[in-house]
Amino acid sequence: MSMKIPANKTAIVLIEPQNDFLSPGGTMYAHIKEQLAERNVIANLKGLLDSARGKVKIFYVPFHPFDKGFPELKKGGPAYEGLRGIEIDMEADWGTGAWLRGTPGPEIIDELTPQDGDIIVEGKKTLDAFHSTGLDYYLRANEIEYVAFTGFHTNWCVESSARSAYDKGYRVMVVGDCTATDTQEEQDYVEKFIFPKIGKVLNAKQFLEALE
């Protein structure tokens, strides 16, 4: 792949690098742990961020925590269906339900701790990282044109956010070896059939080499 990416117009968006996904005892760790290990995703991400800092803007978009018992959501309402409903009933070492405030679940893992200059975008409550946050404003305020998506899960929040970015007029990239989901089959599908229609799929090495 031969391409050039202007660093001063580029941002990395890292979606949900949190304990509930990425640490033993987290609500969803058991489902994704094999892919994390087989594809060396955490180390790839750390290497990407360490190499890109000071060259491009880095935005973290963690999932916003819920209070215990999920009082923010009406029981039996639409938010209790689908993925959110599944997460509400999931078990972690620290309690029932994903993203519980006051537990380790929503905390960013130590290996990917934000550094000085990184921007943390608060308020993500949905699959799309733009929907309930200020991400679009922050990107436009920094005159960002190229957005490289990383994080979790590839075919859920990363895909939803990449689609949204495409619709908003950004040049979309997905750094494949810095994303993960529950199975290789799911990872392969979105990389082959979805992402090429809305942007470019590349690995961390290709992304870093293309920066200028």
C-alpha atoms as a PDB file:
ATOM      1  CA  MET A   1       0.000   0.000   0.000  1.00  0.00           C
ATOM      2  CA  SER A   2       1.447   3.322  -1.099  1.00  0.00           C
ATOM      3  CA  MET A   3      -0.183   6.334   0.505  1.00  0.00           C
ATOM      4  CA  LYS A   4       0.686   9.529   2.277  1.00  0.00           C
ATOM      5  CA  ILE A   5      -1.153  10.788   5.351  1.00  0.00           C
ATOM      6  CA  PRO A   6      -0.663  14.409   6.463  1.00  0.00           C
ATOM      7  CA  ALA A   7       0.091  14.145  10.170  1.00  0.00           C
ATOM      8  CA  ASN A   8      -1.195  17.624  10.989  1.00  0.00           C
ATOM      9  CA  LYS A   9      -4.650  16.673   9.675  1.00  0.00           C
ATOM     10  CA  THR A  10      -4.770  13.212  11.226  1.00  0.00           C
ATOM     11  CA  ALA A  11      -6.139  11.744  14.450  1.00  0.00           C
ATOM     12  CA  ILE A  12      -6.143   8.315  16.027  1.00  0.00           C
ATOM     13  CA  VAL A  13      -9.409   7.451  17.757  1.00  0.00           C
ATOM     14  CA  LEU A  14      -9.105   4.686  20.365  1.00  0.00           C
ATOM     15  CA  ILE A  15     -12.459   3.199  21.351  1.00  0.00           C
ATOM     16  CA  GLU A  16     -13.085   1.592  24.759  1.00  0.00           C
ATOM     17  CA  PRO A  17      -9.677   0.340  25.967  1.00  0.00           C
ATOM     18  CA  GLN A  18     -11.236  -0.578  29.316  1.00  0.00           C
ATOM     19  CA  ASN A  19     -11.060  -3.386  31.854  1.00  0.00           C
ATOM     20  CA  ASP A  20     -14.501  -4.781  31.099  1.00  0.00           C
ATOM     21  CA  PHE A  21     -13.199  -5.772  27.668  1.00  0.00           C
ATOM     22  CA  LEU A  22      -9.490  -6.230  28.175  1.00  0.00           C
ATOM     23  CA  SER A  23      -8.710  -7.481  31.685  1.00  0.00           C
ATOM     24  CA  PRO A  24      -9.316 -10.826  33.420  1.00  0.00           C
ATOM     25  CA  GLY A  25     -12.480 -10.594  35.487  1.00  0.00           C
ATOM     26  CA  GLY A  26     -14.098  -8.087  33.118  1.00  0.00           C
ATOM     27  CA  THR A  27     -17.612  -8.757  31.886  1.00  0.00           C
ATOM     28  CA  MET A  28     -16.609  -9.388  28.277  1.00  0.00           C
ATOM     29  CA  TYR A  29     -12.970 -10.419  28.599  1.00  0.00           C
ATOM     30  CA  ALA A  30     -13.653 -14.159  28.302  1.00  0.00           C
ATOM     31  CA  HIS A  31     -15.173 -13.646  24.860  1.00  0.00           C
ATOM     32  CA  ILE A  32     -12.320 -11.599  23.361  1.00  0.00           C
ATOM     33  CA  LYS A  33      -9.238 -12.859  25.218  1.00  0.00           C
ATOM     34  CA  GLU A  34      -8.189 -15.410  22.596  1.00  0.00           C
ATOM     35  CA  GLN A  35      -8.240 -12.834  19.811  1.00  0.00           C
ATOM     36  CA  LEU A  36      -6.332 -10.344  21.961  1.00  0.00           C
ATOM     37  CA  ALA A  37      -3.615 -12.898  22.569  1.00  0.00           C
ATOM     38  CA  GLU A  38      -3.441 -14.495  19.111  1.00  0.00           C
ATOM     39  CA  ARG A  39      -3.257 -11.150  17.319  1.00  0.00           C
ATOM     40  CA  ASN A  40      -1.093  -9.350  19.906  1.00  0.00           C
ATOM     41  CA  VAL A  41      -3.548  -6.458  19.897  1.00  0.00           C
ATOM     42  CA  ILE A  42      -2.632  -4.678  23.144  1.00  0.00           C
ATOM     43  CA  ALA A  43       1.066  -4.610  22.294  1.00  0.00           C
ATOM     44  CA  ASN A  44       0.246  -3.432  18.768  1.00  0.00           C
ATOM     45  CA  LEU A  45      -1.876  -0.616  20.153  1.00  0.00           C
ATOM     46  CA  LYS A  46       0.752   0.450  22.652  1.00  0.00           C
ATOM     47  CA  GLY A  47       3.388   0.505  19.925  1.00  0.00           C
ATOM     48  CA  LEU A  48       1.149   2.540  17.643  1.00  0.00           C
ATOM     49  CA  LEU A  49       0.320   5.120  20.288  1.00  0.00           C
ATOM     50  CA  ASP A  50       3.904   5.429  21.520  1.00  0.00           C
ATOM     51  CA  SER A  51       5.166   5.975  17.981  1.00  0.00           C
ATOM     52  CA  ALA A  52       2.382   8.335  16.906  1.00  0.00           C
ATOM     53  CA  ARG A  53       2.383  10.676  19.926  1.00  0.00           C
ATOM     54  CA  GLY A  54       3.709  14.069  19.028  1.00  0.00           C
ATOM     55  CA  LYS A  55       2.904  13.482  15.362  1.00  0.00           C
ATOM     56  CA  VAL A  56      -0.895  13.133  15.365  1.00  0.00           C
ATOM     57  CA  LYS A  57      -3.716  13.876  17.781  1.00  0.00           C
ATOM     58  CA  ILE A  58      -4.838  10.928  19.898  1.00  0.00           C
ATOM     59  CA  PHE A  59      -8.424  10.744  21.138  1.00  0.00           C
ATOM     60  CA  TYR A  60      -9.583   8.194  23.702  1.00  0.00           C
ATOM     61  CA  VAL A  61     -13.312   7.404  23.677  1.00  0.00           C
ATOM     62  CA  PRO A  62     -14.086   5.184  26.684  1.00  0.00           C
ATOM     63  CA  PHE A  63     -17.591   3.950  27.397  1.00  0.00           C
ATOM     64  CA  HIS A  64     -19.257   6.141  30.014  1.00  0.00           C
ATOM     65  CA  PRO A  65     -20.123   4.336  33.270  1.00  0.00           C
ATOM     66  CA  PHE A  66     -23.570   3.505  34.590  1.00  0.00           C
ATOM     67  CA  ASP A  67     -24.605   3.523  38.232  1.00  0.00           C
ATOM     68  CA  LYS A  68     -25.249   0.162  39.894  1.00  0.00           C
ATOM     69  CA  GLY A  69     -28.602  -1.215  38.849  1.00  0.00           C
ATOM     70  CA  PHE A  70     -28.662   0.958  35.707  1.00  0.00           C
ATOM     71  CA  PRO A  71     -31.145   3.543  37.031  1.00  0.00           C
ATOM     72  CA  GLU A  72     -30.425   5.711  33.978  1.00  0.00           C
ATOM     73  CA  LEU A  73     -32.333   3.216  31.807  1.00  0.00           C
ATOM     74  CA  LYS A  74     -36.016   2.323  32.061  1.00  0.00           C
ATOM     75  CA  LYS A  75     -36.441  -1.357  32.854  1.00  0.00           C
ATOM     76  CA  GLY A  76     -38.213  -3.045  29.978  1.00  0.00           C
ATOM     77  CA  GLY A  77     -37.510  -0.070  27.731  1.00  0.00           C
ATOM     78  CA  PRO A  78     -35.668  -0.164  24.412  1.00  0.00           C
ATOM     79  CA  ALA A  79     -32.247   0.218  26.044  1.00  0.00           C
ATOM     80  CA  TYR A  80     -32.803  -3.118  27.800  1.00  0.00           C
ATOM     81  CA  GLU A  81     -32.929  -4.894  24.457  1.00  0.00           C
ATOM     82  CA  GLY A  82     -30.056  -5.889  22.192  1.00  0.00           C
ATOM     83  CA  LEU A  83     -26.441  -5.510  23.211  1.00  0.00           C
ATOM     84  CA  ARG A  84     -27.088  -3.161  26.139  1.00  0.00           C
ATOM     85  CA  GLY A  85     -29.558  -5.607  27.637  1.00  0.00           C
ATOM     86  CA  ILE A  86     -26.991  -8.372  27.372  1.00  0.00           C
ATOM     87  CA  GLU A  87     -24.348  -6.214  29.071  1.00  0.00           C
ATOM     88  CA  ILE A  88     -26.682  -5.349  31.941  1.00  0.00           C
ATOM     89  CA  ASP A  89     -26.832  -9.010  32.965  1.00  0.00           C
ATOM     90  CA  MET A  90     -23.162  -9.867  32.460  1.00  0.00           C
ATOM     91  CA  GLU A  91     -21.087 -10.886  35.452  1.00  0.00           C
ATOM     92  CA  ALA A  92     -17.701  -9.428  36.356  1.00  0.00           C
ATOM     93  CA  ASP A  93     -15.458 -10.154  39.306  1.00  0.00           C
ATOM     94  CA  TRP A  94     -16.673  -6.849  40.766  1.00  0.00           C
ATOM     95  CA  GLY A  95     -20.432  -7.126  40.179  1.00  0.00           C
ATOM     96  CA  THR A  96     -23.296  -7.646  37.755  1.00  0.00           C
ATOM     97  CA  GLY A  97     -23.357  -5.499  34.655  1.00  0.00           C
ATOM     98  CA  ALA A  98     -20.829  -3.853  32.367  1.00  0.00           C
ATOM     99  CA  TRP A  99     -19.420  -0.363  32.864  1.00  0.00           C
ATOM    100  CA  LEU A 100     -20.391  -0.024  36.545  1.00  0.00           C
ATOM    101  CA  ARG A 101     -19.335   3.245  38.121  1.00  0.00           C
ATOM    102  CA  GLY A 102     -16.950   2.827  41.049  1.00  0.00           C
ATOM    103  CA  THR A 103     -15.631  -0.539  39.829  1.00  0.00           C
ATOM    104  CA  PRO A 104     -12.553  -1.382  37.757  1.00  0.00           C
ATOM    105  CA  GLY A 105     -14.765  -2.133  34.736  1.00  0.00           C
ATOM    106  CA  PRO A 106     -14.824   1.319  33.086  1.00  0.00           C
ATOM    107  CA  GLU A 107     -11.198   2.136  33.893  1.00  0.00           C
ATOM    108  CA  ILE A 108      -8.675   2.261  31.056  1.00  0.00           C
ATOM    109  CA  ILE A 109      -6.142  -0.560  31.253  1.00  0.00           C
ATOM    110  CA  ASP A 110      -2.689   0.302  32.575  1.00  0.00           C
ATOM    111  CA  GLU A 111      -0.896  -0.620  29.346  1.00  0.00           C
ATOM    112  CA  LEU A 112      -2.852   2.021  27.424  1.00  0.00           C
ATOM    113  CA  THR A 113      -2.954   4.794  30.026  1.00  0.00           C
ATOM    114  CA  PRO A 114      -3.467   8.185  28.333  1.00  0.00           C
ATOM    115  CA  GLN A 115      -0.406  10.405  28.275  1.00  0.00           C
ATOM    116  CA  ASP A 116       0.046  14.178  28.321  1.00  0.00           C
ATOM    117  CA  GLY A 117      -1.494  15.629  25.190  1.00  0.00           C
ATOM    118  CA  ASP A 118      -3.958  12.779  24.643  1.00  0.00           C
ATOM    119  CA  ILE A 119      -7.593  13.869  24.648  1.00  0.00           C
ATOM    120  CA  ILE A 120     -10.249  11.890  26.530  1.00  0.00           C
ATOM    121  CA  VAL A 121     -13.717  12.252  25.032  1.00  0.00           C
ATOM    122  CA  GLU A 122     -16.394  11.665  27.667  1.00  0.00           C
ATOM    123  CA  GLY A 123     -20.002  10.581  27.356  1.00  0.00           C
ATOM    124  CA  LYS A 124     -20.018   7.571  25.025  1.00  0.00           C
ATOM    125  CA  LYS A 125     -23.248   5.677  25.704  1.00  0.00           C
ATOM    126  CA  THR A 126     -23.904   4.065  22.335  1.00  0.00           C
ATOM    127  CA  LEU A 127     -22.095   2.040  19.687  1.00  0.00           C
ATOM    128  CA  ASP A 128     -21.257   5.148  17.649  1.00  0.00           C
ATOM    129  CA  ALA A 129     -18.431   7.141  19.279  1.00  0.00           C
ATOM    130  CA  PHE A 130     -19.865  10.359  17.817  1.00  0.00           C
ATOM    131  CA  HIS A 131     -23.508  10.001  18.857  1.00  0.00           C
ATOM    132  CA  SER A 132     -23.504  11.166  22.488  1.00  0.00           C
ATOM    133  CA  THR A 133     -20.059  12.794  22.684  1.00  0.00           C
ATOM    134  CA  GLY A 134     -18.151  15.862  21.543  1.00  0.00           C
ATOM    135  CA  LEU A 135     -15.863  13.830  19.267  1.00  0.00           C
ATOM    136  CA  ASP A 136     -16.992  15.487  16.038  1.00  0.00           C
ATOM    137  CA  TYR A 137     -16.504  18.954  17.554  1.00  0.00           C
ATOM    138  CA  TYR A 138     -13.021  18.111  18.837  1.00  0.00           C
ATOM    139  CA  LEU A 139     -11.940  16.690  15.482  1.00  0.00           C
ATOM    140  CA  ARG A 140     -13.223  19.698  13.553  1.00  0.00           C
ATOM    141  CA  ALA A 141     -11.785  22.145  16.105  1.00  0.00           C
ATOM    142  CA  ASN A 142      -8.391  20.559  15.463  1.00  0.00           C
ATOM    143  CA  GLU A 143      -8.903  20.688  11.669  1.00  0.00           C
ATOM    144  CA  ILE A 144      -8.740  16.899  11.414  1.00  0.00           C
ATOM    145  CA  GLU A 145      -9.542  15.337   8.040  1.00  0.00           C
ATOM    146  CA  TYR A 146      -8.106  11.814   8.394  1.00  0.00           C
ATOM    147  CA  VAL A 147      -9.389   9.606  11.221  1.00  0.00           C
ATOM    148  CA  ALA A 148      -7.722   6.289  12.074  1.00  0.00           C
ATOM    149  CA  PHE A 149      -9.953   4.063  14.194  1.00  0.00           C
ATOM    150  CA  THR A 150      -8.600   1.561  16.706  1.00  0.00           C
ATOM    151  CA  GLY A 151     -10.070  -0.307  19.657  1.00  0.00           C
ATOM    152  CA  PHE A 152     -12.976  -2.561  20.497  1.00  0.00           C
ATOM    153  CA  HIS A 153     -15.055  -4.308  19.269  1.00  0.00           C
ATOM    154  CA  THR A 154     -14.184  -4.224  15.586  1.00  0.00           C
ATOM    155  CA  ASN A 155     -17.647  -5.116  14.279  1.00  0.00           C
ATOM    156  CA  TRP A 156     -19.589  -3.158  16.877  1.00  0.00           C
ATOM    157  CA  CYS A 157     -18.304   0.188  18.113  1.00  0.00           C
ATOM    158  CA  VAL A 158     -15.384   0.519  15.705  1.00  0.00           C
ATOM    159  CA  GLU A 159     -17.568  -0.248  12.709  1.00  0.00           C
ATOM    160  CA  SER A 160     -20.413   2.008  13.892  1.00  0.00           C
ATOM    161  CA  SER A 161     -17.993   4.877  14.514  1.00  0.00           C
ATOM    162  CA  ALA A 162     -16.189   4.417  11.198  1.00  0.00           C
ATOM    163  CA  ARG A 163     -19.484   4.451   9.316  1.00  0.00           C
ATOM    164  CA  SER A 164     -20.498   7.616  11.156  1.00  0.00           C
ATOM    165  CA  ALA A 165     -17.188   9.302  10.364  1.00  0.00           C
ATOM    166  CA  TYR A 166     -17.593   8.462   6.685  1.00  0.00           C
ATOM    167  CA  ASP A 167     -21.083   9.993   6.674  1.00  0.00           C
ATOM    168  CA  LYS A 168     -19.682  13.124   8.317  1.00  0.00           C
ATOM    169  CA  GLY A 169     -17.132  13.607   5.540  1.00  0.00           C
ATOM    170  CA  TYR A 170     -13.930  12.383   7.184  1.00  0.00           C
ATOM    171  CA  ARG A 171     -11.327  10.262   5.415  1.00  0.00           C
ATOM    172  CA  VAL A 172     -11.643   6.973   7.289  1.00  0.00           C
ATOM    173  CA  MET A 173      -8.928   4.479   8.143  1.00  0.00           C
ATOM    174  CA  VAL A 174      -9.115   1.389  10.337  1.00  0.00           C
ATOM    175  CA  VAL A 175      -5.870   0.072  11.812  1.00  0.00           C
ATOM    176  CA  GLY A 176      -6.768  -3.593  11.670  1.00  0.00           C
ATOM    177  CA  ASP A 177      -4.084  -5.051  13.934  1.00  0.00           C
ATOM    178  CA  CYS A 178      -5.045  -2.502  16.611  1.00  0.00           C
ATOM    179  CA  THR A 179      -8.664  -3.659  16.751  1.00  0.00           C
ATOM    180  CA  ALA A 180     -10.253  -6.863  18.003  1.00  0.00           C
ATOM    181  CA  THR A 181     -13.553  -8.632  18.401  1.00  0.00           C
ATOM    182  CA  ASP A 182     -14.728 -12.004  19.680  1.00  0.00           C
ATOM    183  CA  THR A 183     -13.765 -14.193  16.696  1.00  0.00           C
ATOM    184  CA  GLN A 184     -11.446 -14.143  13.702  1.00  0.00           C
ATOM    185  CA  GLU A 185     -14.461 -14.747  11.472  1.00  0.00           C
ATOM    186  CA  GLU A 186     -16.069 -11.478  12.589  1.00  0.00           C
ATOM    187  CA  GLN A 187     -12.780  -9.595  12.252  1.00  0.00           C
ATOM    188  CA  ASP A 188     -12.194 -10.910   8.741  1.00  0.00           C
ATOM    189  CA  TYR A 189     -15.719 -10.094   7.595  1.00  0.00           C
ATOM    190  CA  VAL A 190     -15.644  -6.397   8.451  1.00  0.00           C
ATOM    191  CA  GLU A 191     -12.103  -5.974   7.157  1.00  0.00           C
ATOM    192  CA  LYS A 192     -13.024  -7.615   3.854  1.00  0.00           C
ATOM    193  CA  PHE A 193     -16.585  -6.456   3.194  1.00  0.00           C
ATOM    194  CA  ILE A 194     -17.343  -3.343   5.272  1.00  0.00           C
ATOM    195  CA  PHE A 195     -14.299  -1.153   5.892  1.00  0.00           C
ATOM    196  CA  PRO A 196     -13.014  -1.034   2.277  1.00  0.00           C
ATOM    197  CA  LYS A 197     -16.334   0.538   1.255  1.00  0.00           C
ATOM    198  CA  ILE A 198     -15.997   3.422   3.709  1.00  0.00           C
ATOM    199  CA  GLY A 199     -12.234   3.884   3.928  1.00  0.00           C
ATOM    200  CA  LYS A 200      -8.928   2.063   4.062  1.00  0.00           C
ATOM    201  CA  VAL A 201      -7.764  -0.881   6.147  1.00  0.00           C
ATOM    202  CA  LEU A 202      -4.095  -0.861   7.102  1.00  0.00           C
ATOM    203  CA  ASN A 203      -1.863  -2.099   9.887  1.00  0.00           C
ATOM    204  CA  ALA A 204       0.053  -0.042  12.421  1.00  0.00           C
ATOM    205  CA  LYS A 205       3.326  -0.257  10.498  1.00  0.00           C
ATOM    206  CA  GLN A 206       1.691   0.949   7.288  1.00  0.00           C
ATOM    207  CA  PHE A 207      -0.054   3.798   9.095  1.00  0.00           C
ATOM    208  CA  LEU A 208       3.129   5.042  10.757  1.00  0.00           C
ATOM    209  CA  GLU A 209       5.163   4.779   7.550  1.00  0.00           C
ATOM    210  CA  ALA A 210       2.528   6.763   5.640  1.00  0.00           C
ATOM    211  CA  LEU A 211       2.594   9.748   8.009  1.00  0.00           C
ATOM    212  CA  GLU A 212       4.291  12.839   6.643  1.00  0.00           C
END
